[in-house]
């Protein structure tokens, strides 16, 4: 655990330091977000948070290869991490080009698919799909299609939700911490090695996301841009995929406190990116339906995302972001707890927190209005 904290700290510190350099580079190259009707920022703001986070991830990987415990891990651990860093480099470059020149949707999609194919070609892919009481093996073509779909879907969901200062980075940081806890505890409870590519990737990812937040949280001094949002969505998806490849399906079925009969520990690596990013994925689906019904491209921008609606009903910028964080934490950690712990108490606790979070969304603006009226 201590070495994972070192990885987290290195990623955080390097990302934080590189962000200032990246911000100046963005100004110099003209990678600046102009103020548009659908935007919520009031002044032009530089991009390039993505390269800073990529630098943090790379530094964390290099340090991990020299740590006493992790450096002795099976070669497959660092093989997966190298594959994800390489694929992350590709998708980050695509995002940087988009931040500079505004790529069309098809070109951006092609870059995302290419990054997904790169990690699949290096062995980071789904090998099976769990069913109740059984597992379905996947051939190479099926594995590639399913893996690339998850990667592209997650990258786009994070990209779509990146509409408020610090929103995407904070939500992915929460998801990364939740998935790290899931992977580490699952390995311990099932007697597996604690040197896990998924844990290493999520520790570094959480550090990179938190390291960028002092620059990106409201009022933002820089945006992570498409290079950052697609990168962190990509790494989060690859982390869950890597876990299914490192542990055989029959060896990751035991949870905590009598949860050994629960099917969720084997299912969660497949669905956790969706549960962590439930709000962005719902937002993505609604945006696609809304835009196609209006006869527009699914990738055409508008100002009707969930975070825009939170602002419309009276929440401040900061509170809208914090509420989105709360939803992300609720779903991410709730999914992990329900998966690893048995009993009705965990489900009841999750339900109670869900009610409280939902109530806060609708009641806080009214209470604030009464206080100030």
Protein backbone atom coordinates (compact mmCIF):
# COMPACT_ATOMS: atom_id res chain seq x y z
CA UNK A 1 0.00 0.00 0.00
CA UNK A 2 2.84 2.43 0.83
CA UNK A 3 4.32 2.07 -2.64
CA UNK A 4 0.96 2.85 -4.20
CA UNK A 5 0.88 6.02 -2.08
CA UNK A 6 4.30 6.92 -3.48
CA UNK A 7 2.99 6.38 -7.02
CA UNK A 8 -0.03 8.55 -6.19
CA UNK A 9 2.15 11.31 -4.74
CA UNK A 10 4.60 11.34 -7.64
CA UNK A 11 1.81 11.56 -10.18
CA UNK A 12 0.12 14.35 -8.23
CA UNK A 13 3.29 16.39 -7.76
CA UNK A 14 4.58 16.07 -11.31
CA UNK A 15 1.17 16.87 -12.79
CA UNK A 16 0.86 19.95 -10.58
CA UNK A 17 4.29 21.23 -11.59
CA UNK A 18 3.91 20.48 -15.30
CA UNK A 19 0.52 22.21 -15.42
CA UNK A 20 2.13 25.64 -15.15
CA UNK A 21 4.49 24.86 -18.03
CA UNK A 22 1.64 23.41 -20.09
CA UNK A 23 -0.47 26.52 -19.47
CA UNK A 24 2.26 28.80 -20.79
CA UNK A 25 2.75 26.50 -23.81
CA UNK A 26 -0.98 26.67 -24.53
CA UNK A 27 -0.88 30.49 -24.53
CA UNK A 28 2.17 30.46 -26.80
CA UNK A 29 0.59 28.02 -29.30
CA UNK A 30 -2.85 29.60 -29.20
CA UNK A 31 -4.58 26.61 -27.59
CA UNK A 32 -7.07 28.77 -25.75
CA UNK A 33 -10.78 28.23 -25.15
CA UNK A 34 -12.62 31.22 -26.53
CA UNK A 35 -15.84 32.31 -24.87
CA UNK A 36 -18.87 30.91 -26.73
CA UNK A 37 -22.61 31.09 -26.06
CA UNK A 38 -22.74 27.54 -24.67
CA UNK A 39 -19.73 28.04 -22.35
CA UNK A 40 -19.87 29.02 -18.69
CA UNK A 41 -16.40 30.61 -18.45
CA UNK A 42 -16.19 34.37 -18.91
CA UNK A 43 -12.58 34.82 -20.10
CA UNK A 44 -10.41 32.94 -22.63
CA UNK A 45 -8.71 30.05 -20.81
CA UNK A 46 -5.75 27.90 -21.97
CA UNK A 47 -5.98 24.15 -22.57
CA UNK A 48 -3.24 21.49 -22.28
CA UNK A 49 -4.10 19.95 -18.94
CA UNK A 50 -3.83 16.62 -20.77
CA UNK A 51 -0.06 16.74 -21.45
CA UNK A 52 0.55 17.68 -17.80
CA UNK A 53 -1.46 14.68 -16.59
CA UNK A 54 0.25 12.41 -19.11
CA UNK A 55 3.59 13.57 -17.70
CA UNK A 56 2.38 12.72 -14.21
CA UNK A 57 1.29 9.24 -15.31
CA UNK A 58 4.62 8.61 -17.05
CA UNK A 59 6.61 9.78 -14.00
CA UNK A 60 4.55 7.52 -11.74
CA UNK A 61 5.22 4.54 -14.02
CA UNK A 62 8.98 5.21 -14.06
CA UNK A 63 9.11 5.52 -10.27
CA UNK A 64 7.05 2.34 -9.82
CA UNK A 65 9.59 0.32 -11.80
CA UNK A 66 12.19 1.20 -9.17
CA UNK A 67 10.17 0.59 -5.99
CA UNK A 68 11.18 -2.50 -3.96
CA UNK A 69 7.87 -4.39 -4.05
CA UNK A 70 6.34 -3.30 -7.35
CA UNK A 71 9.61 -3.70 -9.25
CA UNK A 72 9.57 -7.43 -8.40
CA UNK A 73 6.05 -7.88 -9.77
CA UNK A 74 5.23 -10.19 -12.64
CA UNK A 75 6.21 -8.77 -16.03
CA UNK A 76 2.56 -8.71 -17.02
CA UNK A 77 1.88 -5.89 -14.57
CA UNK A 78 4.27 -3.43 -16.20
CA UNK A 79 3.44 -4.75 -19.67
CA UNK A 80 -0.15 -3.63 -19.12
CA UNK A 81 0.91 -0.28 -17.68
CA UNK A 82 3.29 0.39 -20.59
CA UNK A 83 0.53 -0.47 -23.07
CA UNK A 84 -1.88 1.93 -21.37
CA UNK A 85 0.70 4.74 -21.21
CA UNK A 86 1.45 4.26 -24.93
CA UNK A 87 -2.24 4.25 -25.83
CA UNK A 88 -2.72 7.25 -23.55
CA UNK A 89 0.03 9.08 -25.43
CA UNK A 90 -1.81 8.48 -28.71
CA UNK A 91 -5.19 9.64 -27.43
CA UNK A 92 -3.57 12.64 -25.71
CA UNK A 93 -1.89 13.68 -28.98
CA UNK A 94 -5.25 13.42 -30.74
CA UNK A 95 -6.73 15.64 -28.04
CA UNK A 96 -3.91 18.19 -28.32
CA UNK A 97 -4.46 18.44 -32.08
CA UNK A 98 -8.17 18.89 -31.42
CA UNK A 99 -7.48 21.60 -28.83
CA UNK A 100 -5.35 23.40 -31.41
CA UNK A 101 -7.32 22.89 -34.61
CA UNK A 102 -10.76 21.52 -33.60
CA UNK A 103 -10.84 18.15 -35.35
CA UNK A 104 -14.08 16.91 -36.84
CA UNK A 105 -15.94 14.19 -34.93
CA UNK A 106 -14.92 11.37 -37.29
CA UNK A 107 -11.20 12.15 -37.02
CA UNK A 108 -11.42 12.30 -33.24
CA UNK A 109 -13.31 9.01 -33.16
CA UNK A 110 -10.67 7.39 -35.39
CA UNK A 111 -7.95 8.51 -32.98
CA UNK A 112 -9.84 7.02 -30.04
CA UNK A 113 -10.26 3.71 -31.85
CA UNK A 114 -6.56 3.68 -32.75
CA UNK A 115 -5.59 4.15 -29.09
CA UNK A 116 -7.92 1.31 -28.13
CA UNK A 117 -6.46 -1.01 -30.77
CA UNK A 118 -2.94 -0.25 -29.53
CA UNK A 119 -3.68 -1.49 -26.01
CA UNK A 120 -5.59 -4.52 -27.29
CA UNK A 121 -2.65 -5.45 -29.54
CA UNK A 122 -0.45 -5.47 -26.44
CA UNK A 123 -2.74 -7.77 -24.47
CA UNK A 124 -4.92 -5.36 -22.49
CA UNK A 125 -8.35 -6.72 -23.36
CA UNK A 126 -11.32 -8.66 -22.06
CA UNK A 127 -10.82 -12.40 -22.15
CA UNK A 128 -14.24 -13.44 -20.85
CA UNK A 129 -17.68 -12.15 -20.04
CA UNK A 130 -19.26 -13.35 -16.78
CA UNK A 131 -22.74 -14.80 -16.69
CA UNK A 132 -24.57 -16.05 -13.62
CA UNK A 133 -22.81 -19.27 -12.74
CA UNK A 134 -20.70 -19.34 -15.91
CA UNK A 135 -18.25 -17.44 -18.10
CA UNK A 136 -18.20 -16.85 -21.84
CA UNK A 137 -14.78 -16.88 -23.48
CA UNK A 138 -14.10 -14.32 -26.20
CA UNK A 139 -12.12 -14.87 -29.38
CA UNK A 140 -9.66 -12.21 -30.55
CA UNK A 141 -12.15 -10.35 -32.75
CA UNK A 142 -14.85 -10.30 -30.08
CA UNK A 143 -12.36 -9.22 -27.42
CA UNK A 144 -11.07 -6.37 -29.60
CA UNK A 145 -14.55 -5.08 -30.46
CA UNK A 146 -15.85 -5.24 -26.90
CA UNK A 147 -12.69 -3.71 -25.41
CA UNK A 148 -12.46 -0.86 -27.92
CA UNK A 149 -16.16 -0.07 -27.47
CA UNK A 150 -15.72 0.26 -23.70
CA UNK A 151 -12.61 2.42 -24.10
CA UNK A 152 -14.16 4.74 -26.70
CA UNK A 153 -17.44 4.97 -24.77
CA UNK A 154 -15.70 5.89 -21.52
CA UNK A 155 -13.40 8.43 -23.18
CA UNK A 156 -16.36 10.15 -24.82
CA UNK A 157 -18.47 10.09 -21.64
CA UNK A 158 -15.73 11.91 -19.72
CA UNK A 159 -15.25 14.31 -22.64
CA UNK A 160 -18.97 15.10 -22.70
CA UNK A 161 -19.14 15.83 -18.97
CA UNK A 162 -16.15 18.21 -19.07
CA UNK A 163 -18.29 21.32 -19.07
CA UNK A 164 -17.61 22.91 -15.67
CA UNK A 165 -14.31 23.81 -14.02
CA UNK A 166 -12.81 20.73 -12.37
CA UNK A 167 -15.80 18.50 -13.08
CA UNK A 168 -14.28 15.77 -15.25
CA UNK A 169 -10.98 15.57 -13.34
CA UNK A 170 -12.73 15.41 -9.97
CA UNK A 171 -15.25 12.76 -11.02
CA UNK A 172 -12.55 10.55 -12.53
CA UNK A 173 -10.38 11.02 -9.42
CA UNK A 174 -13.27 9.74 -7.30
CA UNK A 175 -13.79 6.81 -9.66
CA UNK A 176 -10.09 5.98 -9.67
CA UNK A 177 -9.90 5.92 -5.87
CA UNK A 178 -12.99 3.70 -5.71
CA UNK A 179 -11.63 1.28 -8.28
CA UNK A 180 -8.22 1.20 -6.55
CA UNK A 181 -9.94 0.23 -3.31
CA UNK A 182 -11.94 -2.44 -5.12
CA UNK A 183 -8.94 -3.97 -6.90
CA UNK A 184 -6.67 -3.93 -3.83
CA UNK A 185 -9.24 -5.34 -1.39
CA UNK A 186 -10.35 -7.97 -3.89
CA UNK A 187 -6.75 -9.14 -4.34
CA UNK A 188 -6.17 -9.33 -0.58
CA UNK A 189 -9.41 -11.20 0.14
CA UNK A 190 -8.78 -13.73 -2.64
CA UNK A 191 -5.14 -14.35 -1.73
CA UNK A 192 -3.81 -12.84 -4.95
CA UNK A 193 -0.71 -10.70 -5.38
CA UNK A 194 -1.09 -7.07 -4.38
CA UNK A 195 1.08 -5.95 -7.29
CA UNK A 196 -1.76 -5.21 -9.70
CA UNK A 197 -1.64 -3.20 -12.89
CA UNK A 198 -5.16 -1.90 -12.25
CA UNK A 199 -4.19 -0.63 -8.79
CA UNK A 200 -1.01 0.97 -10.13
CA UNK A 201 -2.88 2.68 -12.96
CA UNK A 202 -5.71 3.98 -10.76
CA UNK A 203 -3.31 5.24 -8.08
CA UNK A 204 -1.41 7.19 -10.74
CA UNK A 205 -4.65 8.35 -12.37
CA UNK A 206 -6.08 9.64 -9.08
CA UNK A 207 -2.84 11.53 -8.47
CA UNK A 208 -2.87 13.10 -11.92
CA UNK A 209 -6.52 14.19 -11.60
CA UNK A 210 -6.02 15.68 -8.14
CA UNK A 211 -2.75 17.30 -9.21
CA UNK A 212 -4.51 19.21 -12.00
CA UNK A 213 -7.43 20.39 -9.84
CA UNK A 214 -5.63 23.39 -8.24
CA UNK A 215 -5.27 24.72 -11.79
CA UNK A 216 -8.62 23.47 -13.08
CA UNK A 217 -11.12 23.97 -10.25
CA UNK A 218 -13.36 27.06 -10.29
CA UNK A 219 -12.26 29.64 -11.22
CA UNK A 220 -10.05 27.64 -13.59
CA UNK A 221 -6.67 28.95 -14.68
CA UNK A 222 -6.52 26.23 -17.34
CA UNK A 223 -8.75 23.56 -18.86
CA UNK A 224 -7.81 19.93 -19.30
CA UNK A 225 -9.26 20.10 -22.82
CA UNK A 226 -10.03 17.10 -25.00
CA UNK A 227 -6.45 15.90 -24.48
CA UNK A 228 -7.10 15.60 -20.76
CA UNK A 229 -10.69 14.39 -20.68
CA UNK A 230 -10.12 11.65 -23.27
CA UNK A 231 -6.86 10.61 -21.57
CA UNK A 232 -8.33 10.12 -18.10
CA UNK A 233 -11.41 8.34 -19.48
CA UNK A 234 -9.11 6.08 -21.48
CA UNK A 235 -6.91 5.19 -18.48
CA UNK A 236 -9.94 4.52 -16.26
CA UNK A 237 -11.44 2.10 -18.79
CA UNK A 238 -8.11 0.34 -19.36
CA UNK A 239 -7.65 -0.10 -15.60
CA UNK A 240 -10.83 -2.14 -15.29
CA UNK A 241 -9.99 -4.15 -18.41
CA UNK A 242 -6.51 -4.93 -17.08
CA UNK A 243 -7.94 -6.37 -13.85
CA UNK A 244 -9.99 -8.97 -15.70
CA UNK A 245 -6.89 -10.05 -17.61
CA UNK A 246 -4.62 -10.38 -14.57
CA UNK A 247 -6.94 -12.50 -12.42
CA UNK A 248 -8.68 -15.62 -13.79
CA UNK A 249 -12.45 -15.37 -13.53
CA UNK A 250 -12.70 -18.22 -11.02
CA UNK A 251 -10.23 -16.51 -8.64
CA UNK A 252 -11.90 -13.15 -8.07
CA UNK A 253 -15.33 -14.17 -6.82
CA UNK A 254 -14.88 -13.67 -3.06
CA UNK A 255 -15.87 -10.50 -1.29
CA UNK A 256 -15.78 -9.42 2.36
CA UNK A 257 -17.83 -10.53 5.32
CA UNK A 258 -19.53 -13.52 3.76
CA UNK A 259 -19.97 -12.05 0.29
CA UNK A 260 -18.34 -15.05 -1.35
CA UNK A 261 -21.55 -16.09 -3.05
CA UNK A 262 -22.09 -12.67 -4.57
CA UNK A 263 -21.70 -12.53 -8.32
CA UNK A 264 -20.80 -8.85 -8.28
CA UNK A 265 -17.04 -9.18 -7.60
CA UNK A 266 -16.58 -10.85 -10.99
CA UNK A 267 -19.03 -8.57 -12.77
CA UNK A 268 -17.85 -5.25 -11.38
CA UNK A 269 -14.68 -4.85 -13.50
CA UNK A 270 -16.95 -4.85 -16.54
CA UNK A 271 -19.54 -2.42 -15.26
CA UNK A 272 -17.56 -0.20 -12.87
CA UNK A 273 -16.52 2.35 -15.55
CA UNK A 274 -20.22 2.71 -16.33
CA UNK A 275 -21.31 2.92 -12.68
CA UNK A 276 -18.55 5.40 -11.80
CA UNK A 277 -19.51 7.52 -14.79
CA UNK A 278 -23.24 6.82 -14.59
CA UNK A 279 -24.15 10.49 -14.71
CA UNK A 280 -21.85 11.22 -17.71
CA UNK A 281 -23.10 8.14 -19.57
CA UNK A 282 -26.74 9.12 -18.97
CA UNK A 283 -25.86 12.64 -20.06
CA UNK A 284 -24.15 11.22 -23.16
CA UNK A 285 -27.18 9.09 -24.06
CA UNK A 286 -29.59 11.99 -23.57
CA UNK A 287 -27.37 14.28 -25.66
CA UNK A 288 -27.24 11.78 -28.53
CA UNK A 289 -31.02 11.33 -28.51
CA UNK A 290 -31.65 15.05 -28.16
CA UNK A 291 -29.34 16.03 -31.01
CA UNK A 292 -30.31 13.30 -33.45
CA UNK A 293 -34.01 14.06 -32.92
CA UNK A 294 -33.21 17.67 -33.78
CA UNK A 295 -31.50 16.51 -36.98
CA UNK A 296 -28.00 17.43 -35.76
CA UNK A 297 -24.80 15.43 -35.29
CA UNK A 298 -24.57 13.55 -31.95
CA UNK A 299 -21.24 15.33 -31.39
CA UNK A 300 -22.55 18.84 -32.03
CA UNK A 301 -22.30 20.96 -28.84
CA UNK A 302 -25.20 22.47 -26.93
CA UNK A 303 -25.96 23.91 -23.50
CA UNK A 304 -28.40 21.28 -22.23
CA UNK A 305 -26.10 18.94 -20.32
CA UNK A 306 -26.91 17.94 -16.74
CA UNK A 307 -24.35 20.36 -15.32
CA UNK A 308 -25.94 23.19 -17.30
CA UNK A 309 -29.34 22.26 -15.87
CA UNK A 310 -27.93 22.36 -12.33
CA UNK A 311 -26.84 25.95 -12.97
CA UNK A 312 -30.28 26.78 -14.37
CA UNK A 313 -32.16 25.60 -11.26
CA UNK A 314 -30.12 27.90 -9.04
CA UNK A 315 -26.89 26.16 -8.04
CA UNK A 316 -23.64 28.09 -8.09
CA UNK A 317 -20.78 26.88 -10.26
CA UNK A 318 -18.89 25.41 -7.31
CA UNK A 319 -21.95 23.73 -5.80
CA UNK A 320 -22.99 22.21 -9.14
CA UNK A 321 -19.54 20.63 -9.42
CA UNK A 322 -19.61 19.40 -5.81
CA UNK A 323 -23.05 17.85 -6.33
CA UNK A 324 -21.76 16.02 -9.39
CA UNK A 325 -18.84 14.84 -7.25
CA UNK A 326 -21.33 13.60 -4.67
CA UNK A 327 -23.26 11.62 -7.27
CA UNK A 328 -20.04 10.15 -8.65
CA UNK A 329 -18.83 9.16 -5.18
CA UNK A 330 -22.20 7.72 -4.25
CA UNK A 331 -22.40 5.49 -7.30
CA UNK A 332 -18.71 4.54 -7.42
CA UNK A 333 -18.19 3.69 -3.75
CA UNK A 334 -21.73 2.33 -3.43
CA UNK A 335 -21.04 -0.14 -6.23
CA UNK A 336 -17.78 -1.22 -4.60
CA UNK A 337 -19.34 -1.65 -1.14
CA UNK A 338 -22.34 -3.60 -2.43
CA UNK A 339 -19.99 -5.82 -4.43
CA UNK A 340 -17.55 -6.59 -1.64
CA UNK A 341 -19.90 -6.69 1.35
CA UNK A 342 -22.93 -8.90 1.82
CA UNK A 343 -26.11 -8.04 3.69
CA UNK A 344 -29.01 -5.63 3.37
CA UNK A 345 -27.24 -2.94 5.43
CA UNK A 346 -24.95 -1.93 2.57
CA UNK A 347 -27.87 -1.65 0.15
CA UNK A 348 -29.95 0.30 2.68
CA UNK A 349 -27.05 2.69 3.33
CA UNK A 350 -26.59 3.25 -0.38
CA UNK A 351 -30.30 3.99 -0.78
CA UNK A 352 -30.32 6.48 2.09
CA UNK A 353 -27.32 8.36 0.70
CA UNK A 354 -28.94 8.41 -2.74
CA UNK A 355 -32.09 10.00 -1.30
CA UNK A 356 -30.05 12.63 0.58
CA UNK A 357 -27.96 13.51 -2.49
CA UNK A 358 -31.04 13.82 -4.70
CA UNK A 359 -32.79 15.96 -2.10
CA UNK A 360 -29.77 18.28 -1.96
CA UNK A 361 -30.01 18.89 -5.71
CA UNK A 362 -33.55 20.25 -5.51
CA UNK A 363 -33.77 21.66 -1.98
CA UNK A 364 -30.54 23.65 -1.62
CA UNK A 365 -31.48 26.36 -4.18
CA UNK A 366 -34.88 26.82 -2.50
CA UNK A 367 -33.37 27.00 0.98
CA UNK A 368 -30.79 29.52 -0.20
CA UNK A 369 -33.50 31.62 -1.80
CA UNK A 370 -35.49 31.68 1.45
CA UNK A 371 -32.42 32.58 3.51
CA UNK A 372 -31.53 35.55 1.30
CA UNK A 373 -35.11 36.70 0.67
